[in-house]
N, C-alpha and C. Protein backbone atom coordinates (compact mmCIF):
# COMPACT_ATOMS: atom_id res chain seq x y z
N MET A 1 124.00 -15.95 87.89
CA MET A 1 123.90 -15.38 86.57
C MET A 1 125.28 -15.39 85.92
N ILE A 2 125.28 -15.62 84.62
CA ILE A 2 126.52 -15.63 83.85
C ILE A 2 126.85 -14.21 83.40
N LYS A 3 128.08 -13.80 83.61
CA LYS A 3 128.53 -12.49 83.13
C LYS A 3 129.29 -12.70 81.83
N LEU A 4 128.89 -11.98 80.81
CA LEU A 4 129.55 -12.08 79.52
C LEU A 4 130.53 -10.93 79.36
N LYS A 5 131.72 -11.21 78.86
CA LYS A 5 132.72 -10.16 78.64
C LYS A 5 132.18 -9.08 77.71
N SER A 6 131.40 -9.50 76.73
CA SER A 6 130.87 -8.54 75.75
C SER A 6 129.89 -7.56 76.40
N GLY A 7 129.33 -7.92 77.55
CA GLY A 7 128.40 -7.03 78.24
C GLY A 7 129.05 -5.76 78.73
N SER A 8 130.36 -5.80 78.91
CA SER A 8 131.07 -4.61 79.38
C SER A 8 131.54 -3.71 78.24
N ILE A 9 131.34 -4.14 77.00
CA ILE A 9 131.71 -3.32 75.84
C ILE A 9 130.62 -2.25 75.66
N PRO A 10 131.01 -0.99 75.52
CA PRO A 10 130.01 0.08 75.37
C PRO A 10 129.13 -0.12 74.13
N ASP A 11 127.88 0.27 74.23
CA ASP A 11 126.92 0.13 73.13
C ASP A 11 127.43 0.78 71.85
N LYS A 12 128.13 1.90 71.98
CA LYS A 12 128.58 2.65 70.81
C LYS A 12 129.60 1.88 69.96
N LYS A 13 130.15 0.81 70.50
CA LYS A 13 131.10 -0.02 69.75
C LYS A 13 130.39 -0.98 68.79
N PHE A 14 129.06 -1.07 68.92
CA PHE A 14 128.27 -1.97 68.09
C PHE A 14 127.43 -1.15 67.11
N ASN A 15 127.13 -1.76 65.97
CA ASN A 15 126.21 -1.15 65.03
C ASN A 15 124.86 -0.98 65.71
N LYS A 16 124.35 0.24 65.70
CA LYS A 16 123.12 0.56 66.42
C LYS A 16 121.94 -0.29 65.94
N ARG A 17 121.82 -0.46 64.64
CA ARG A 17 120.71 -1.24 64.07
C ARG A 17 120.81 -2.71 64.47
N GLN A 18 122.02 -3.26 64.38
CA GLN A 18 122.22 -4.67 64.73
C GLN A 18 121.92 -4.90 66.21
N LEU A 19 122.36 -3.99 67.06
CA LEU A 19 122.12 -4.14 68.50
C LEU A 19 120.63 -4.06 68.81
N SER A 20 119.94 -3.15 68.16
CA SER A 20 118.50 -3.02 68.36
C SER A 20 117.77 -4.29 67.90
N MET A 21 118.15 -4.79 66.73
CA MET A 21 117.56 -6.04 66.24
C MET A 21 117.83 -7.17 67.23
N GLY A 22 119.04 -7.20 67.73
CA GLY A 22 119.44 -8.26 68.66
C GLY A 22 118.65 -8.26 69.95
N VAL A 23 118.44 -7.09 70.50
CA VAL A 23 117.67 -7.00 71.75
C VAL A 23 116.24 -7.49 71.51
N LYS A 24 115.66 -7.12 70.37
CA LYS A 24 114.29 -7.56 70.05
C LYS A 24 114.21 -9.08 69.92
N VAL A 25 115.23 -9.68 69.33
CA VAL A 25 115.24 -11.13 69.17
C VAL A 25 115.47 -11.81 70.52
N GLU A 26 116.45 -11.36 71.26
CA GLU A 26 116.85 -12.03 72.49
C GLU A 26 115.87 -11.83 73.64
N ILE A 27 115.07 -10.79 73.60
CA ILE A 27 114.08 -10.55 74.67
C ILE A 27 113.04 -11.68 74.69
N GLU A 28 112.96 -12.43 73.59
CA GLU A 28 112.06 -13.59 73.54
C GLU A 28 112.50 -14.68 74.52
N HIS A 29 113.77 -14.63 74.94
CA HIS A 29 114.34 -15.68 75.78
C HIS A 29 114.54 -15.26 77.24
N THR A 30 114.21 -14.01 77.56
CA THR A 30 114.42 -13.52 78.92
C THR A 30 113.44 -12.38 79.20
N ASN A 31 113.23 -12.10 80.45
CA ASN A 31 112.37 -10.97 80.83
C ASN A 31 113.20 -9.72 81.09
N SER A 32 114.50 -9.80 80.89
CA SER A 32 115.41 -8.71 81.21
C SER A 32 116.00 -8.10 79.95
N LYS A 33 115.76 -6.82 79.75
CA LYS A 33 116.34 -6.14 78.60
C LYS A 33 117.87 -6.12 78.71
N ARG A 34 118.37 -6.01 79.92
CA ARG A 34 119.82 -5.99 80.15
C ARG A 34 120.44 -7.31 79.72
N VAL A 35 119.83 -8.42 80.08
CA VAL A 35 120.33 -9.74 79.70
C VAL A 35 120.22 -9.92 78.18
N ALA A 36 119.11 -9.49 77.61
CA ALA A 36 118.93 -9.59 76.16
C ALA A 36 120.03 -8.82 75.43
N LYS A 37 120.36 -7.65 75.94
CA LYS A 37 121.42 -6.84 75.32
C LYS A 37 122.78 -7.53 75.47
N GLN A 38 123.04 -8.15 76.61
CA GLN A 38 124.30 -8.87 76.80
C GLN A 38 124.42 -10.02 75.81
N ILE A 39 123.34 -10.75 75.62
CA ILE A 39 123.34 -11.88 74.68
C ILE A 39 123.56 -11.36 73.26
N ALA A 40 122.86 -10.28 72.90
CA ALA A 40 123.02 -9.69 71.57
C ALA A 40 124.46 -9.24 71.35
N LYS A 41 125.04 -8.61 72.34
CA LYS A 41 126.43 -8.16 72.22
C LYS A 41 127.38 -9.35 72.05
N ALA A 42 127.11 -10.44 72.74
CA ALA A 42 127.95 -11.63 72.61
C ALA A 42 127.90 -12.14 71.17
N HIS A 43 126.71 -12.22 70.59
CA HIS A 43 126.59 -12.66 69.20
C HIS A 43 127.28 -11.68 68.25
N LEU A 44 127.09 -10.40 68.47
CA LEU A 44 127.66 -9.39 67.58
C LEU A 44 129.18 -9.30 67.71
N THR A 45 129.71 -9.66 68.86
CA THR A 45 131.16 -9.68 69.04
C THR A 45 131.77 -10.76 68.14
N GLU A 46 131.09 -11.88 68.03
CA GLU A 46 131.58 -12.97 67.19
C GLU A 46 131.30 -12.74 65.71
N TYR A 47 130.14 -12.13 65.41
CA TYR A 47 129.72 -11.97 64.02
C TYR A 47 128.94 -10.66 63.94
N PRO A 48 129.55 -9.57 63.48
CA PRO A 48 128.96 -8.23 63.53
C PRO A 48 127.61 -8.05 62.82
N THR A 49 127.28 -8.92 61.88
CA THR A 49 125.98 -8.81 61.20
C THR A 49 125.10 -10.02 61.51
N TYR A 50 125.25 -10.54 62.71
CA TYR A 50 124.55 -11.75 63.13
C TYR A 50 123.04 -11.65 62.92
N TYR A 51 122.44 -10.54 63.30
CA TYR A 51 120.97 -10.46 63.26
C TYR A 51 120.44 -10.24 61.85
N THR A 52 121.22 -9.64 60.98
CA THR A 52 120.83 -9.55 59.57
C THR A 52 120.87 -10.95 58.96
N ALA A 53 121.93 -11.69 59.27
CA ALA A 53 122.06 -13.06 58.76
C ALA A 53 120.95 -13.96 59.32
N LEU A 54 120.64 -13.81 60.59
CA LEU A 54 119.57 -14.59 61.21
C LEU A 54 118.24 -14.30 60.54
N ASN A 55 117.96 -13.04 60.29
CA ASN A 55 116.71 -12.64 59.64
C ASN A 55 116.63 -13.25 58.24
N LYS A 56 117.72 -13.20 57.50
CA LYS A 56 117.76 -13.76 56.14
C LYS A 56 117.51 -15.27 56.18
N MET A 57 118.15 -15.94 57.13
CA MET A 57 117.99 -17.38 57.25
C MET A 57 116.54 -17.74 57.59
N GLU A 58 115.93 -16.99 58.50
CA GLU A 58 114.55 -17.26 58.89
C GLU A 58 113.61 -17.06 57.70
N LYS A 59 113.84 -16.04 56.89
CA LYS A 59 113.02 -15.81 55.70
C LYS A 59 113.17 -16.97 54.71
N GLN A 60 114.39 -17.46 54.53
CA GLN A 60 114.62 -18.58 53.63
C GLN A 60 113.90 -19.83 54.12
N LEU A 61 113.95 -20.08 55.41
CA LEU A 61 113.27 -21.25 55.97
C LEU A 61 111.76 -21.15 55.81
N LYS A 62 111.22 -19.95 56.03
CA LYS A 62 109.77 -19.76 55.86
C LYS A 62 109.34 -19.96 54.43
N SER A 63 110.16 -19.50 53.48
CA SER A 63 109.80 -19.67 52.07
C SER A 63 109.88 -21.14 51.66
N LYS A 64 110.82 -21.90 52.21
CA LYS A 64 110.90 -23.33 51.93
C LYS A 64 109.70 -24.07 52.50
N ARG A 65 109.22 -23.62 53.64
CA ARG A 65 108.08 -24.25 54.29
C ARG A 65 106.83 -24.08 53.44
N LYS A 66 106.70 -22.94 52.75
CA LYS A 66 105.52 -22.66 51.93
C LYS A 66 105.46 -23.50 50.68
N LYS A 67 106.61 -24.02 50.24
CA LYS A 67 106.65 -24.80 48.98
C LYS A 67 106.08 -26.18 49.15
């Protein structure tokens, strides 16, 4: 298993809403909530509003598909 440096950062250092969104997204790729949280933290370490941006992008893609 890969250990991510961001996994050792306490949850309180991340925006609670972003981390929650991240775990919900990343759990699609693993059966482990712990791994999903580590992946979410890695994304949020690089880009603090990653999951808001991801959600916006997905909505834009869906609206383009409908046209």
